[in-house]
Amino acid sequence: MQPFSKEEDNKSFLIMYAIVDIAGQQFKVEKDQELFVHRLDNNEGDSVNFDNVLLIDNNGSVMVGAPTVSGASVSAKVLTHLKGDKVIVFKKKRRKGYQKSNGHRQSFTKIQISGINA
């Protein structure tokens, strides 16, 4: 077994990531990452900019916002709109004859991160 060379060790530190607030939730995003967020109003194929960047890590140099990093944004492309799995909510009170069944399907938007602008 050969030990790792220094080039292979440095590859793990060359990742730029950001923590972004998208539709009320915080996500750790990297370039070319695809993720599901709560439904956005944009059409499929549109590009979206998110300005609520809370943290940026660029090759080990970390910029933390108070509360957001000024001038930073994350650009993404809307790939598709879809619905999640059905969640069944079942309520029952014993010995009362009360049963209530309800279902819910959350709407999601699949986006692809196209760039992080610091």
PDB file of N, CA and C in Angstrom:
ATOM      1  N   MET A   1       0.836  -1.173   0.000  1.00  0.00           N
ATOM      2  CA  MET A   1       0.000   0.000   0.000  1.00  0.00           C
ATOM      3  C   MET A   1       0.888   1.246   0.000  1.00  0.00           C
ATOM      4  N   GLN A   2       0.594   2.177  -0.905  1.00  0.00           N
ATOM      5  CA  GLN A   2       1.402   3.382  -1.014  1.00  0.00           C
ATOM      6  C   GLN A   2       0.787   4.510  -0.200  1.00  0.00           C
ATOM      7  N   PRO A   3       1.603   5.306   0.436  1.00  0.00           N
ATOM      8  CA  PRO A   3       1.041   6.454   1.169  1.00  0.00           C
ATOM      9  C   PRO A   3       0.530   7.505   0.194  1.00  0.00           C
ATOM     10  N   PHE A   4      -0.370   8.339   0.695  1.00  0.00           N
ATOM     11  CA  PHE A   4      -0.937   9.403  -0.128  1.00  0.00           C
ATOM     12  C   PHE A   4       0.123  10.451  -0.421  1.00  0.00           C
ATOM     13  N   SER A   5       0.067  10.982  -1.641  1.00  0.00           N
ATOM     14  CA  SER A   5       0.969  12.088  -1.960  1.00  0.00           C
ATOM     15  C   SER A   5       0.340  13.388  -1.493  1.00  0.00           C
ATOM     16  N   LYS A   6       1.108  14.435  -1.472  1.00  0.00           N
ATOM     17  CA  LYS A   6       0.601  15.723  -0.988  1.00  0.00           C
ATOM     18  C   LYS A   6      -0.458  16.288  -1.923  1.00  0.00           C
ATOM     19  N   GLU A   7      -0.390  15.976  -3.219  1.00  0.00           N
ATOM     20  CA  GLU A   7      -1.404  16.471  -4.150  1.00  0.00           C
ATOM     21  C   GLU A   7      -2.770  15.895  -3.799  1.00  0.00           C
ATOM     22  N   GLU A   8      -2.820  14.603  -3.457  1.00  0.00           N
ATOM     23  CA  GLU A   8      -4.097  13.992  -3.116  1.00  0.00           C
ATOM     24  C   GLU A   8      -4.635  14.557  -1.812  1.00  0.00           C
ATOM     25  N   ASP A   9      -3.758  14.891  -0.868  1.00  0.00           N
ATOM     26  CA  ASP A   9      -4.203  15.490   0.387  1.00  0.00           C
ATOM     27  C   ASP A   9      -4.786  16.870   0.155  1.00  0.00           C
ATOM     28  N   ASN A  10      -4.210  17.641  -0.767  1.00  0.00           N
ATOM     29  CA  ASN A  10      -4.682  19.001  -1.017  1.00  0.00           C
ATOM     30  C   ASN A  10      -6.015  19.023  -1.742  1.00  0.00           C
ATOM     31  N   LYS A  11      -6.370  17.963  -2.449  1.00  0.00           N
ATOM     32  CA  LYS A  11      -7.625  17.947  -3.189  1.00  0.00           C
ATOM     33  C   LYS A  11      -8.825  18.053  -2.257  1.00  0.00           C
ATOM     34  N   SER A  12      -8.701  17.512  -1.048  1.00  0.00           N
ATOM     35  CA  SER A  12      -9.832  17.563  -0.131  1.00  0.00           C
ATOM     36  C   SER A  12     -10.063  18.980   0.398  1.00  0.00           C
ATOM     37  N   PHE A  13      -9.060  19.860   0.340  1.00  0.00           N
ATOM     38  CA  PHE A  13      -9.206  21.208   0.856  1.00  0.00           C
ATOM     39  C   PHE A  13      -9.574  22.215  -0.228  1.00  0.00           C
ATOM     40  N   LEU A  14      -9.684  21.796  -1.474  1.00  0.00           N
ATOM     41  CA  LEU A  14      -9.960  22.725  -2.565  1.00  0.00           C
ATOM     42  C   LEU A  14     -11.454  22.897  -2.823  1.00  0.00           C
ATOM     43  N   ILE A  15     -12.272  22.429  -1.911  1.00  0.00           N
ATOM     44  CA  ILE A  15     -13.709  22.521  -2.097  1.00  0.00           C
ATOM     45  C   ILE A  15     -14.205  23.834  -1.501  1.00  0.00           C
ATOM     46  N   MET A  16     -14.930  24.591  -2.317  1.00  0.00           N
ATOM     47  CA  MET A  16     -15.548  25.829  -1.840  1.00  0.00           C
ATOM     48  C   MET A  16     -17.016  25.526  -1.556  1.00  0.00           C
ATOM     49  N   TYR A  17     -17.445  25.870  -0.352  1.00  0.00           N
ATOM     50  CA  TYR A  17     -18.847  25.651  -0.016  1.00  0.00           C
ATOM     51  C   TYR A  17     -19.390  26.872   0.712  1.00  0.00           C
ATOM     52  N   ALA A  18     -20.713  26.926   0.778  1.00  0.00           N
ATOM     53  CA  ALA A  18     -21.388  28.027   1.461  1.00  0.00           C
ATOM     54  C   ALA A  18     -22.596  27.469   2.202  1.00  0.00           C
ATOM     55  N   ILE A  19     -22.984  28.161   3.253  1.00  0.00           N
ATOM     56  CA  ILE A  19     -24.219  27.850   3.962  1.00  0.00           C
ATOM     57  C   ILE A  19     -25.207  28.962   3.645  1.00  0.00           C
ATOM     58  N   VAL A  20     -26.332  28.573   3.033  1.00  0.00           N
ATOM     59  CA  VAL A  20     -27.279  29.533   2.466  1.00  0.00           C
ATOM     60  C   VAL A  20     -28.663  29.286   3.055  1.00  0.00           C
ATOM     61  N   ASP A  21     -29.400  30.371   3.255  1.00  0.00           N
ATOM     62  CA  ASP A  21     -30.785  30.299   3.691  1.00  0.00           C
ATOM     63  C   ASP A  21     -31.667  30.350   2.439  1.00  0.00           C
ATOM     64  N   ILE A  22     -32.312  29.226   2.129  1.00  0.00           N
ATOM     65  CA  ILE A  22     -33.183  29.133   0.956  1.00  0.00           C
ATOM     66  C   ILE A  22     -34.578  28.768   1.432  1.00  0.00           C
ATOM     67  N   ALA A  23     -35.535  29.644   1.207  1.00  0.00           N
ATOM     68  CA  ALA A  23     -36.950  29.424   1.538  1.00  0.00           C
ATOM     69  C   ALA A  23     -37.129  29.010   2.993  1.00  0.00           C
ATOM     70  N   GLY A  24     -36.384  29.663   3.901  1.00  0.00           N
ATOM     71  CA  GLY A  24     -36.550  29.422   5.317  1.00  0.00           C
ATOM     72  C   GLY A  24     -35.750  28.262   5.877  1.00  0.00           C
ATOM     73  N   GLN A  25     -34.967  27.567   5.050  1.00  0.00           N
ATOM     74  CA  GLN A  25     -34.135  26.471   5.521  1.00  0.00           C
ATOM     75  C   GLN A  25     -32.683  26.742   5.164  1.00  0.00           C
ATOM     76  N   GLN A  26     -31.757  26.232   5.969  1.00  0.00           N
ATOM     77  CA  GLN A  26     -30.334  26.427   5.723  1.00  0.00           C
ATOM     78  C   GLN A  26     -29.755  25.181   5.074  1.00  0.00           C
ATOM     79  N   PHE A  27     -28.970  25.404   4.006  1.00  0.00           N
ATOM     80  CA  PHE A  27     -28.363  24.316   3.260  1.00  0.00           C
ATOM     81  C   PHE A  27     -26.869  24.570   3.110  1.00  0.00           C
ATOM     82  N   LYS A  28     -26.068  23.511   3.167  1.00  0.00           N
ATOM     83  CA  LYS A  28     -24.654  23.577   2.829  1.00  0.00           C
ATOM     84  C   LYS A  28     -24.556  23.195   1.359  1.00  0.00           C
ATOM     85  N   VAL A  29     -24.101  24.142   0.520  1.00  0.00           N
ATOM     86  CA  VAL A  29     -24.112  23.928  -0.922  1.00  0.00           C
ATOM     87  C   VAL A  29     -22.696  24.031  -1.481  1.00  0.00           C
ATOM     88  N   GLU A  30     -22.463  23.281  -2.561  1.00  0.00           N
ATOM     89  CA  GLU A  30     -21.229  23.327  -3.331  1.00  0.00           C
ATOM     90  C   GLU A  30     -21.602  23.498  -4.792  1.00  0.00           C
ATOM     91  N   LYS A  31     -20.632  23.825  -5.611  1.00  0.00           N
ATOM     92  CA  LYS A  31     -20.876  24.015  -7.043  1.00  0.00           C
ATOM     93  C   LYS A  31     -21.290  22.683  -7.667  1.00  0.00           C
ATOM     94  N   ASP A  32     -22.254  22.731  -8.588  1.00  0.00           N
ATOM     95  CA  ASP A  32     -22.808  21.585  -9.326  1.00  0.00           C
ATOM     96  C   ASP A  32     -23.575  20.607  -8.444  1.00  0.00           C
ATOM     97  N   GLN A  33     -23.949  21.006  -7.249  1.00  0.00           N
ATOM     98  CA  GLN A  33     -24.741  20.152  -6.370  1.00  0.00           C
ATOM     99  C   GLN A  33     -26.212  20.319  -6.702  1.00  0.00           C
ATOM    100  N   GLU A  34     -26.955  19.214  -6.674  1.00  0.00           N
ATOM    101  CA  GLU A  34     -28.395  19.261  -6.879  1.00  0.00           C
ATOM    102  C   GLU A  34     -29.075  19.007  -5.543  1.00  0.00           C
ATOM    103  N   LEU A  35     -30.102  19.810  -5.236  1.00  0.00           N
ATOM    104  CA  LEU A  35     -30.810  19.621  -3.988  1.00  0.00           C
ATOM    105  C   LEU A  35     -32.269  19.997  -4.137  1.00  0.00           C
ATOM    106  N   PHE A  36     -33.075  19.497  -3.199  1.00  0.00           N
ATOM    107  CA  PHE A  36     -34.501  19.753  -3.177  1.00  0.00           C
ATOM    108  C   PHE A  36     -34.791  20.797  -2.106  1.00  0.00           C
ATOM    109  N   VAL A  37     -35.494  21.862  -2.494  1.00  0.00           N
ATOM    110  CA  VAL A  37     -35.877  22.921  -1.569  1.00  0.00           C
ATOM    111  C   VAL A  37     -37.391  23.062  -1.631  1.00  0.00           C
ATOM    112  N   HIS A  38     -37.948  23.801  -0.668  1.00  0.00           N
ATOM    113  CA  HIS A  38     -39.383  24.055  -0.717  1.00  0.00           C
ATOM    114  C   HIS A  38     -39.717  24.799  -2.003  1.00  0.00           C
ATOM    115  N   ARG A  39     -40.934  24.659  -2.445  1.00  0.00           N
ATOM    116  CA  ARG A  39     -41.376  25.147  -3.752  1.00  0.00           C
ATOM    117  C   ARG A  39     -41.029  26.624  -3.957  1.00  0.00           C
ATOM    118  N   LEU A  40     -40.342  26.918  -5.069  1.00  0.00           N
ATOM    119  CA  LEU A  40     -40.020  28.288  -5.465  1.00  0.00           C
ATOM    120  C   LEU A  40     -40.985  28.729  -6.550  1.00  0.00           C
ATOM    121  N   ASP A  41     -41.170  30.042  -6.703  1.00  0.00           N
ATOM    122  CA  ASP A  41     -42.129  30.568  -7.675  1.00  0.00           C
ATOM    123  C   ASP A  41     -41.570  30.642  -9.083  1.00  0.00           C
ATOM    124  N   ASN A  42     -40.287  30.392  -9.272  1.00  0.00           N
ATOM    125  CA  ASN A  42     -39.664  30.523 -10.581  1.00  0.00           C
ATOM    126  C   ASN A  42     -40.047  29.355 -11.479  1.00  0.00           C
ATOM    127  N   ASN A  43     -39.952  29.598 -12.804  1.00  0.00           N
ATOM    128  CA  ASN A  43     -40.264  28.567 -13.785  1.00  0.00           C
ATOM    129  C   ASN A  43     -39.064  27.646 -13.975  1.00  0.00           C
ATOM    130  N   GLU A  44     -39.311  26.484 -14.579  1.00  0.00           N
ATOM    131  CA  GLU A  44     -38.232  25.539 -14.867  1.00  0.00           C
ATOM    132  C   GLU A  44     -37.279  26.153 -15.890  1.00  0.00           C
ATOM    133  N   GLY A  45     -35.992  26.015 -15.635  1.00  0.00           N
ATOM    134  CA  GLY A  45     -34.989  26.574 -16.527  1.00  0.00           C
ATOM    135  C   GLY A  45     -34.526  27.964 -16.138  1.00  0.00           C
ATOM    136  N   ASP A  46     -35.226  28.625 -15.233  1.00  0.00           N
ATOM    137  CA  ASP A  46     -34.819  29.959 -14.778  1.00  0.00           C
ATOM    138  C   ASP A  46     -33.610  29.864 -13.862  1.00  0.00           C
ATOM    139  N   SER A  47     -32.848  30.949 -13.806  1.00  0.00           N
ATOM    140  CA  SER A  47     -31.746  31.019 -12.841  1.00  0.00           C
ATOM    141  C   SER A  47     -32.185  31.884 -11.662  1.00  0.00           C
ATOM    142  N   VAL A  48     -31.740  31.506 -10.478  1.00  0.00           N
ATOM    143  CA  VAL A  48     -32.152  32.142  -9.233  1.00  0.00           C
ATOM    144  C   VAL A  48     -30.903  32.540  -8.460  1.00  0.00           C
ATOM    145  N   ASN A  49     -30.939  33.714  -7.820  1.00  0.00           N
ATOM    146  CA  ASN A  49     -29.856  34.150  -6.943  1.00  0.00           C
ATOM    147  C   ASN A  49     -30.368  34.183  -5.511  1.00  0.00           C
ATOM    148  N   PHE A  50     -29.560  33.643  -4.595  1.00  0.00           N
ATOM    149  CA  PHE A  50     -29.874  33.660  -3.173  1.00  0.00           C
ATOM    150  C   PHE A  50     -28.848  34.543  -2.484  1.00  0.00           C
ATOM    151  N   ASP A  51     -29.327  35.595  -1.798  1.00  0.00           N
ATOM    152  CA  ASP A  51     -28.439  36.568  -1.169  1.00  0.00           C
ATOM    153  C   ASP A  51     -28.219  36.314   0.313  1.00  0.00           C
ATOM    154  N   ASN A  52     -28.994  35.429   0.923  1.00  0.00           N
ATOM    155  CA  ASN A  52     -28.860  35.155   2.353  1.00  0.00           C
ATOM    156  C   ASN A  52     -27.764  34.122   2.586  1.00  0.00           C
ATOM    157  N   VAL A  53     -26.515  34.513   2.356  1.00  0.00           N
ATOM    158  CA  VAL A  53     -25.365  33.628   2.548  1.00  0.00           C
ATOM    159  C   VAL A  53     -24.851  33.852   3.967  1.00  0.00           C
ATOM    160  N   LEU A  54     -24.853  32.790   4.772  1.00  0.00           N
ATOM    161  CA  LEU A  54     -24.467  32.903   6.173  1.00  0.00           C
ATOM    162  C   LEU A  54     -22.984  32.640   6.386  1.00  0.00           C
ATOM    163  N   LEU A  55     -22.368  31.798   5.532  1.00  0.00           N
ATOM    164  CA  LEU A  55     -20.968  31.436   5.698  1.00  0.00           C
ATOM    165  C   LEU A  55     -20.410  31.007   4.351  1.00  0.00           C
ATOM    166  N   ILE A  56     -19.154  31.365   4.094  1.00  0.00           N
ATOM    167  CA  ILE A  56     -18.447  30.905   2.894  1.00  0.00           C
ATOM    168  C   ILE A  56     -17.089  30.375   3.319  1.00  0.00           C
ATOM    169  N   ASP A  57     -16.754  29.168   2.849  1.00  0.00           N
ATOM    170  CA  ASP A  57     -15.439  28.576   3.080  1.00  0.00           C
ATOM    171  C   ASP A  57     -14.785  28.421   1.719  1.00  0.00           C
ATOM    172  N   ASN A  58     -13.705  29.186   1.493  1.00  0.00           N
ATOM    173  CA  ASN A  58     -12.987  29.156   0.224  1.00  0.00           C
ATOM    174  C   ASN A  58     -11.563  28.690   0.497  1.00  0.00           C
ATOM    175  N   ASN A  59     -11.325  27.390   0.297  1.00  0.00           N
ATOM    176  CA  ASN A  59      -9.997  26.783   0.474  1.00  0.00           C
ATOM    177  C   ASN A  59      -9.438  27.030   1.868  1.00  0.00           C
ATOM    178  N   GLY A  60     -10.268  26.931   2.876  1.00  0.00           N
ATOM    179  CA  GLY A  60      -9.808  27.078   4.248  1.00  0.00           C
ATOM    180  C   GLY A  60      -9.973  28.468   4.829  1.00  0.00           C
ATOM    181  N   SER A  61     -10.195  29.487   3.995  1.00  0.00           N
ATOM    182  CA  SER A  61     -10.443  30.829   4.528  1.00  0.00           C
ATOM    183  C   SER A  61     -11.958  30.997   4.694  1.00  0.00           C
ATOM    184  N   VAL A  62     -12.378  31.155   5.925  1.00  0.00           N
ATOM    185  CA  VAL A  62     -13.800  31.175   6.253  1.00  0.00           C
ATOM    186  C   VAL A  62     -14.257  32.606   6.477  1.00  0.00           C
ATOM    187  N   MET A  63     -15.363  32.972   5.822  1.00  0.00           N
ATOM    188  CA  MET A  63     -16.007  34.265   6.049  1.00  0.00           C
ATOM    189  C   MET A  63     -17.363  33.999   6.687  1.00  0.00           C
ATOM    190  N   VAL A  64     -17.555  34.499   7.897  1.00  0.00           N
ATOM    191  CA  VAL A  64     -18.805  34.310   8.612  1.00  0.00           C
ATOM    192  C   VAL A  64     -19.550  35.631   8.613  1.00  0.00           C
ATOM    193  N   GLY A  65     -20.828  35.586   8.275  1.00  0.00           N
ATOM    194  CA  GLY A  65     -21.628  36.795   8.227  1.00  0.00           C
ATOM    195  C   GLY A  65     -22.212  37.138   9.580  1.00  0.00           C
ATOM    196  N   ALA A  66     -22.609  38.389   9.709  1.00  0.00           N
ATOM    197  CA  ALA A  66     -23.252  38.851  10.935  1.00  0.00           C
ATOM    198  C   ALA A  66     -24.474  39.682  10.576  1.00  0.00           C
ATOM    199  N   PRO A  67     -25.606  39.168  10.223  1.00  0.00           N
ATOM    200  CA  PRO A  67     -25.965  37.764  10.097  1.00  0.00           C
ATOM    201  C   PRO A  67     -25.640  37.168   8.730  1.00  0.00           C
ATOM    202  N   THR A  68     -25.452  38.000   7.688  1.00  0.00           N
ATOM    203  CA  THR A  68     -25.124  37.463   6.365  1.00  0.00           C
ATOM    204  C   THR A  68     -23.820  38.067   5.879  1.00  0.00           C
ATOM    205  N   VAL A  69     -23.186  37.381   4.927  1.00  0.00           N
ATOM    206  CA  VAL A  69     -21.961  37.882   4.319  1.00  0.00           C
ATOM    207  C   VAL A  69     -22.357  38.933   3.286  1.00  0.00           C
ATOM    208  N   SER A  70     -21.840  40.161   3.431  1.00  0.00           N
ATOM    209  CA  SER A  70     -22.235  41.236   2.522  1.00  0.00           C
ATOM    210  C   SER A  70     -21.598  41.029   1.160  1.00  0.00           C
ATOM    211  N   GLY A  71     -22.385  41.213   0.119  1.00  0.00           N
ATOM    212  CA  GLY A  71     -21.900  41.089  -1.251  1.00  0.00           C
ATOM    213  C   GLY A  71     -21.808  39.670  -1.762  1.00  0.00           C
ATOM    214  N   ALA A  72     -22.141  38.685  -0.959  1.00  0.00           N
ATOM    215  CA  ALA A  72     -22.055  37.289  -1.382  1.00  0.00           C
ATOM    216  C   ALA A  72     -23.414  36.811  -1.869  1.00  0.00           C
ATOM    217  N   SER A  73     -23.383  35.929  -2.859  1.00  0.00           N
ATOM    218  CA  SER A  73     -24.617  35.341  -3.364  1.00  0.00           C
ATOM    219  C   SER A  73     -24.318  33.961  -3.932  1.00  0.00           C
ATOM    220  N   VAL A  74     -25.366  33.179  -4.044  1.00  0.00           N
ATOM    221  CA  VAL A  74     -25.272  31.848  -4.630  1.00  0.00           C
ATOM    222  C   VAL A  74     -26.261  31.806  -5.788  1.00  0.00           C
ATOM    223  N   SER A  75     -25.776  31.424  -6.958  1.00  0.00           N
ATOM    224  CA  SER A  75     -26.644  31.332  -8.129  1.00  0.00           C
ATOM    225  C   SER A  75     -26.981  29.874  -8.388  1.00  0.00           C
ATOM    226  N   ALA A  76     -28.227  29.649  -8.800  1.00  0.00           N
ATOM    227  CA  ALA A  76     -28.704  28.291  -9.034  1.00  0.00           C
ATOM    228  C   ALA A  76     -29.643  28.288 -10.229  1.00  0.00           C
ATOM    229  N   LYS A  77     -29.877  27.095 -10.766  1.00  0.00           N
ATOM    230  CA  LYS A  77     -30.786  26.918 -11.896  1.00  0.00           C
ATOM    231  C   LYS A  77     -31.912  25.986 -11.455  1.00  0.00           C
ATOM    232  N   VAL A  78     -33.142  26.368 -11.765  1.00  0.00           N
ATOM    233  CA  VAL A  78     -34.302  25.556 -11.417  1.00  0.00           C
ATOM    234  C   VAL A  78     -34.413  24.427 -12.430  1.00  0.00           C
ATOM    235  N   LEU A  79     -34.351  23.184 -11.946  1.00  0.00           N
ATOM    236  CA  LEU A  79     -34.423  22.034 -12.846  1.00  0.00           C
ATOM    237  C   LEU A  79     -35.857  21.562 -13.046  1.00  0.00           C
ATOM    238  N   THR A  80     -36.576  21.310 -11.964  1.00  0.00           N
ATOM    239  CA  THR A  80     -37.941  20.816 -12.093  1.00  0.00           C
ATOM    240  C   THR A  80     -38.719  21.059 -10.796  1.00  0.00           C
ATOM    241  N   HIS A  81     -40.046  21.005 -10.902  1.00  0.00           N
ATOM    242  CA  HIS A  81     -40.932  21.075  -9.749  1.00  0.00           C
ATOM    243  C   HIS A  81     -41.561  19.694  -9.569  1.00  0.00           C
ATOM    244  N   LEU A  82     -41.659  19.247  -8.332  1.00  0.00           N
ATOM    245  CA  LEU A  82     -42.231  17.932  -8.074  1.00  0.00           C
ATOM    246  C   LEU A  82     -42.822  17.878  -6.682  1.00  0.00           C
ATOM    247  N   LYS A  83     -43.462  16.760  -6.371  1.00  0.00           N
ATOM    248  CA  LYS A  83     -44.068  16.562  -5.064  1.00  0.00           C
ATOM    249  C   LYS A  83     -43.369  15.418  -4.353  1.00  0.00           C
ATOM    250  N   GLY A  84     -43.282  15.526  -3.033  1.00  0.00           N
ATOM    251  CA  GLY A  84     -42.646  14.490  -2.226  1.00  0.00           C
ATOM    252  C   GLY A  84     -43.588  13.332  -1.972  1.00  0.00           C
ATOM    253  N   ASP A  85     -43.125  12.391  -1.153  1.00  0.00           N
ATOM    254  CA  ASP A  85     -43.945  11.239  -0.793  1.00  0.00           C
ATOM    255  C   ASP A  85     -45.109  11.669   0.086  1.00  0.00           C
ATOM    256  N   LYS A  86     -46.176  10.871   0.024  1.00  0.00           N
ATOM    257  CA  LYS A  86     -47.349  11.176   0.821  1.00  0.00           C
ATOM    258  C   LYS A  86     -47.103  10.802   2.271  1.00  0.00           C
ATOM    259  N   VAL A  87     -47.471  11.721   3.159  1.00  0.00           N
ATOM    260  CA  VAL A  87     -47.377  11.505   4.598  1.00  0.00           C
ATOM    261  C   VAL A  87     -48.798  11.352   5.129  1.00  0.00           C
ATOM    262  N   ILE A  88     -49.055  10.242   5.789  1.00  0.00           N
ATOM    263  CA  ILE A  88     -50.383   9.976   6.339  1.00  0.00           C
ATOM    264  C   ILE A  88     -50.416  10.426   7.800  1.00  0.00           C
ATOM    265  N   VAL A  89     -51.429  11.238   8.142  1.00  0.00           N
ATOM    266  CA  VAL A  89     -51.648  11.679   9.520  1.00  0.00           C
ATOM    267  C   VAL A  89     -52.917  10.995  10.000  1.00  0.00           C
ATOM    268  N   PHE A  90     -52.784  10.154  11.022  1.00  0.00           N
ATOM    269  CA  PHE A  90     -53.930   9.403  11.541  1.00  0.00           C
ATOM    270  C   PHE A  90     -54.136   9.756  13.000  1.00  0.00           C
ATOM    271  N   LYS A  91     -55.342  10.220  13.316  1.00  0.00           N
ATOM    272  CA  LYS A  91     -55.681  10.591  14.693  1.00  0.00           C
ATOM    273  C   LYS A  91     -56.778   9.652  15.192  1.00  0.00           C
ATOM    274  N   LYS A  92     -56.661   9.251  16.455  1.00  0.00           N
ATOM    275  CA  LYS A  92     -57.659   8.363  17.042  1.00  0.00           C
ATOM    276  C   LYS A  92     -57.738   8.625  18.535  1.00  0.00           C
ATOM    277  N   LYS A  93     -58.966   8.612  19.055  1.00  0.00           N
ATOM    278  CA  LYS A  93     -59.176   8.676  20.499  1.00  0.00           C
ATOM    279  C   LYS A  93     -59.861   7.384  20.909  1.00  0.00           C
ATOM    280  N   ARG A  94     -59.208   6.658  21.787  1.00  0.00           N
ATOM    281  CA  ARG A  94     -59.726   5.341  22.135  1.00  0.00           C
ATOM    282  C   ARG A  94     -61.031   5.434  22.930  1.00  0.00           C
ATOM    283  N   ARG A  95     -61.870   4.471  22.697  1.00  0.00           N
ATOM    284  CA  ARG A  95     -63.175   4.319  23.355  1.00  0.00           C
ATOM    285  C   ARG A  95     -64.142   5.462  23.047  1.00  0.00           C
ATOM    286  N   LYS A  96     -63.855   6.304  22.089  1.00  0.00           N
ATOM    287  CA  LYS A  96     -64.744   7.414  21.756  1.00  0.00           C
ATOM    288  C   LYS A  96     -65.341   7.283  20.350  1.00  0.00           C
ATOM    289  N   GLY A  97     -64.799   6.359  19.549  1.00  0.00           N
ATOM    290  CA  GLY A  97     -65.282   6.203  18.182  1.00  0.00           C
ATOM    291  C   GLY A  97     -64.770   7.267  17.238  1.00  0.00           C
ATOM    292  N   TYR A  98     -63.704   7.970  17.648  1.00  0.00           N
ATOM    293  CA  TYR A  98     -63.167   9.060  16.830  1.00  0.00           C
ATOM    294  C   TYR A  98     -61.940   8.569  16.073  1.00  0.00           C
ATOM    295  N   GLN A  99     -62.022   8.644  14.742  1.00  0.00           N
ATOM    296  CA  GLN A  99     -60.883   8.335  13.878  1.00  0.00           C
ATOM    297  C   GLN A  99     -60.851   9.362  12.759  1.00  0.00           C
ATOM    298  N   LYS A 100     -59.677   9.907  12.497  1.00  0.00           N
ATOM    299  CA  LYS A 100     -59.535  10.905  11.437  1.00  0.00           C
ATOM    300  C   LYS A 100     -58.256  10.598  10.681  1.00  0.00           C
ATOM    301  N   SER A 101     -58.345  10.464   9.383  1.00  0.00           N
ATOM    302  CA  SER A 101     -57.183  10.190   8.538  1.00  0.00           C
ATOM    303  C   SER A 101     -57.011  11.346   7.564  1.00  0.00           C
ATOM    304  N   ASN A 102     -55.769  11.796   7.421  1.00  0.00           N
ATOM    305  CA  ASN A 102     -55.480  12.921   6.547  1.00  0.00           C
ATOM    306  C   ASN A 102     -54.134  12.669   5.881  1.00  0.00           C
ATOM    307  N   GLY A 103     -53.942  13.174   4.674  1.00  0.00           N
ATOM    308  CA  GLY A 103     -52.681  13.001   3.965  1.00  0.00           C
ATOM    309  C   GLY A 103     -52.158  14.329   3.466  1.00  0.00           C
ATOM    310  N   HIS A 104     -50.840  14.352   3.217  1.00  0.00           N
ATOM    311  CA  HIS A 104     -50.205  15.582   2.745  1.00  0.00           C
ATOM    312  C   HIS A 104     -49.036  15.228   1.837  1.00  0.00           C
ATOM    313  N   ARG A 105     -48.883  15.966   0.733  1.00  0.00           N
ATOM    314  CA  ARG A 105     -47.722  15.829  -0.151  1.00  0.00           C
ATOM    315  C   ARG A 105     -47.089  17.197  -0.304  1.00  0.00           C
ATOM    316  N   GLN A 106     -45.842  17.326   0.144  1.00  0.00           N
ATOM    317  CA  GLN A 106     -45.124  18.593   0.106  1.00  0.00           C
ATOM    318  C   GLN A 106     -44.631  18.866  -1.310  1.00  0.00           C
ATOM    319  N   SER A 107     -44.729  20.111  -1.757  1.00  0.00           N
ATOM    320  CA  SER A 107     -44.217  20.517  -3.060  1.00  0.00           C
ATOM    321  C   SER A 107     -42.760  20.927  -2.930  1.00  0.00           C
ATOM    322  N   PHE A 108     -41.924  20.418  -3.820  1.00  0.00           N
ATOM    323  CA  PHE A 108     -40.492  20.701  -3.817  1.00  0.00           C
ATOM    324  C   PHE A 108     -40.054  21.250  -5.161  1.00  0.00           C
ATOM    325  N   THR A 109     -38.908  21.907  -5.165  1.00  0.00           N
ATOM    326  CA  THR A 109     -38.245  22.352  -6.386  1.00  0.00           C
ATOM    327  C   THR A 109     -36.840  21.785  -6.374  1.00  0.00           C
ATOM    328  N   LYS A 110     -36.451  21.156  -7.477  1.00  0.00           N
ATOM    329  CA  LYS A 110     -35.091  20.625  -7.601  1.00  0.00           C
ATOM    330  C   LYS A 110     -34.242  21.681  -8.283  1.00  0.00           C
ATOM    331  N   ILE A 111     -33.151  22.099  -7.609  1.00  0.00           N
ATOM    332  CA  ILE A 111     -32.257  23.119  -8.155  1.00  0.00           C
ATOM    333  C   ILE A 111     -30.849  22.569  -8.255  1.00  0.00           C
ATOM    334  N   GLN A 112     -30.070  23.181  -9.134  1.00  0.00           N
ATOM    335  CA  GLN A 112     -28.646  22.851  -9.279  1.00  0.00           C
ATOM    336  C   GLN A 112     -27.848  24.130  -9.048  1.00  0.00           C
ATOM    337  N   ILE A 113     -26.879  24.053  -8.140  1.00  0.00           N
ATOM    338  CA  ILE A 113     -26.055  25.209  -7.799  1.00  0.00           C
ATOM    339  C   ILE A 113     -25.056  25.433  -8.932  1.00  0.00           C
ATOM    340  N   SER A 114     -25.088  26.633  -9.512  1.00  0.00           N
ATOM    341  CA  SER A 114     -24.198  26.924 -10.630  1.00  0.00           C
ATOM    342  C   SER A 114     -22.982  27.730 -10.210  1.00  0.00           C
ATOM    343  N   GLY A 115     -23.003  28.409  -9.065  1.00  0.00           N
ATOM    344  CA  GLY A 115     -21.828  29.137  -8.647  1.00  0.00           C
ATOM    345  C   GLY A 115     -22.015  29.809  -7.299  1.00  0.00           C
ATOM    346  N   ILE A 116     -20.871  30.039  -6.629  1.00  0.00           N
ATOM    347  CA  ILE A 116     -20.849  30.763  -5.361  1.00  0.00           C
ATOM    348  C   ILE A 116     -20.022  32.010  -5.568  1.00  0.00           C
ATOM    349  N   ASN A 117     -20.637  33.182  -5.378  1.00  0.00           N
ATOM    350  CA  ASN A 117     -19.955  34.455  -5.592  1.00  0.00           C
ATOM    351  C   ASN A 117     -19.655  35.101  -4.237  1.00  0.00           C
ATOM    352  N   ALA A 118     -18.375  35.255  -3.938  1.00  0.00           N
ATOM    353  CA  ALA A 118     -17.988  35.798  -2.637  1.00  0.00           C
ATOM    354  C   ALA A 118     -17.826  37.306  -2.723  1.00  0.00           C
TER     355      ALA A 118
END
